[in-house]
Amino acid sequence: MTRNMGGADRIVRPLVAAVLVALVLTGQVTGGLAIAAAAVAAVFILTSLVGLCPLYSLLGVNTCRRA
């Protein structure tokens, strides 16, 4: 698998994930929206660790300088 996420993506995604998790844990977001926020946070963490975003692949986007 070829990476398609650059450094900025890999830094911003965990930050957004942390905000989403904080919103869920503090009760600011509840119900179905909380489940969706938690799922998005999990995907953001996973994709930032791996360096590969499936949506970027589908759209033909590549922010990684090496590729």
Protein backbone atom coordinates (compact mmCIF):
# COMPACT_ATOMS: atom_id res chain seq x y z
CA MET A 1 0.00 0.00 0.00
CA THR A 2 1.32 3.40 -0.99
CA ARG A 3 0.89 6.23 1.46
CA ASN A 4 -1.23 9.11 0.25
CA MET A 5 -1.30 11.33 3.35
CA GLY A 6 1.26 14.03 4.03
CA GLY A 7 2.61 15.22 7.35
CA ALA A 8 -0.02 17.91 7.88
CA ASP A 9 -2.83 15.38 7.42
CA ARG A 10 -1.19 12.99 9.83
CA ILE A 11 -0.96 15.72 12.49
CA VAL A 12 -4.38 17.33 12.04
CA ARG A 13 -6.44 14.14 11.98
CA PRO A 14 -5.53 12.98 15.51
CA LEU A 15 -6.21 16.50 16.80
CA VAL A 16 -9.68 16.48 15.24
CA ALA A 17 -10.22 12.97 16.61
CA ALA A 18 -9.30 14.15 20.10
CA VAL A 19 -11.82 17.00 19.88
CA LEU A 20 -14.55 14.61 18.71
CA VAL A 21 -13.82 12.16 21.51
CA ALA A 22 -13.82 15.00 24.06
CA LEU A 23 -17.21 16.18 22.81
CA VAL A 24 -18.63 12.68 23.16
CA LEU A 25 -17.13 12.05 26.60
CA THR A 26 -18.33 15.38 28.00
CA GLY A 27 -21.85 14.78 26.74
CA GLN A 28 -21.84 17.70 24.32
CA VAL A 29 -22.70 15.27 21.52
CA THR A 30 -25.17 12.46 22.23
CA GLY A 31 -27.18 9.76 20.52
CA GLY A 32 -26.55 8.76 16.95
CA LEU A 33 -24.35 11.78 16.37
CA ALA A 34 -22.08 10.61 19.22
CA ILE A 35 -21.73 7.20 17.59
CA ALA A 36 -20.91 8.81 14.26
CA ALA A 37 -18.39 11.16 15.90
CA ALA A 38 -16.70 8.23 17.64
CA ALA A 39 -16.55 6.29 14.38
CA VAL A 40 -15.03 9.25 12.52
CA ALA A 41 -12.50 9.70 15.33
CA ALA A 42 -11.51 6.02 15.10
CA VAL A 43 -11.09 6.25 11.32
CA PHE A 44 -9.03 9.43 11.65
CA ILE A 45 -6.71 7.78 14.18
CA LEU A 46 -6.32 4.64 12.08
CA THR A 47 -5.68 6.48 8.83
CA SER A 48 -3.16 8.83 10.45
CA LEU A 49 -1.24 5.86 11.88
CA VAL A 50 -1.19 3.99 8.58
CA GLY A 51 -0.72 7.04 6.35
CA LEU A 52 -3.31 5.83 3.88
CA CYS A 53 -6.77 7.34 3.41
CA PRO A 54 -9.19 5.19 1.38
CA LEU A 55 -11.27 8.24 0.46
CA TYR A 56 -8.17 9.98 -0.89
CA SER A 57 -7.49 6.86 -2.98
CA LEU A 58 -11.00 6.91 -4.43
CA LEU A 59 -10.76 10.62 -5.24
CA GLY A 60 -7.20 10.44 -6.57
CA VAL A 61 -5.85 12.81 -3.91
CA ASN A 62 -2.27 12.49 -2.71
CA THR A 63 -0.82 14.90 -0.14
CA CYS A 64 2.30 12.83 0.51
CA ARG A 65 5.39 14.45 -1.00
CA ARG A 66 7.31 11.17 -1.47
CA ALA A 67 4.75 9.43 -3.67
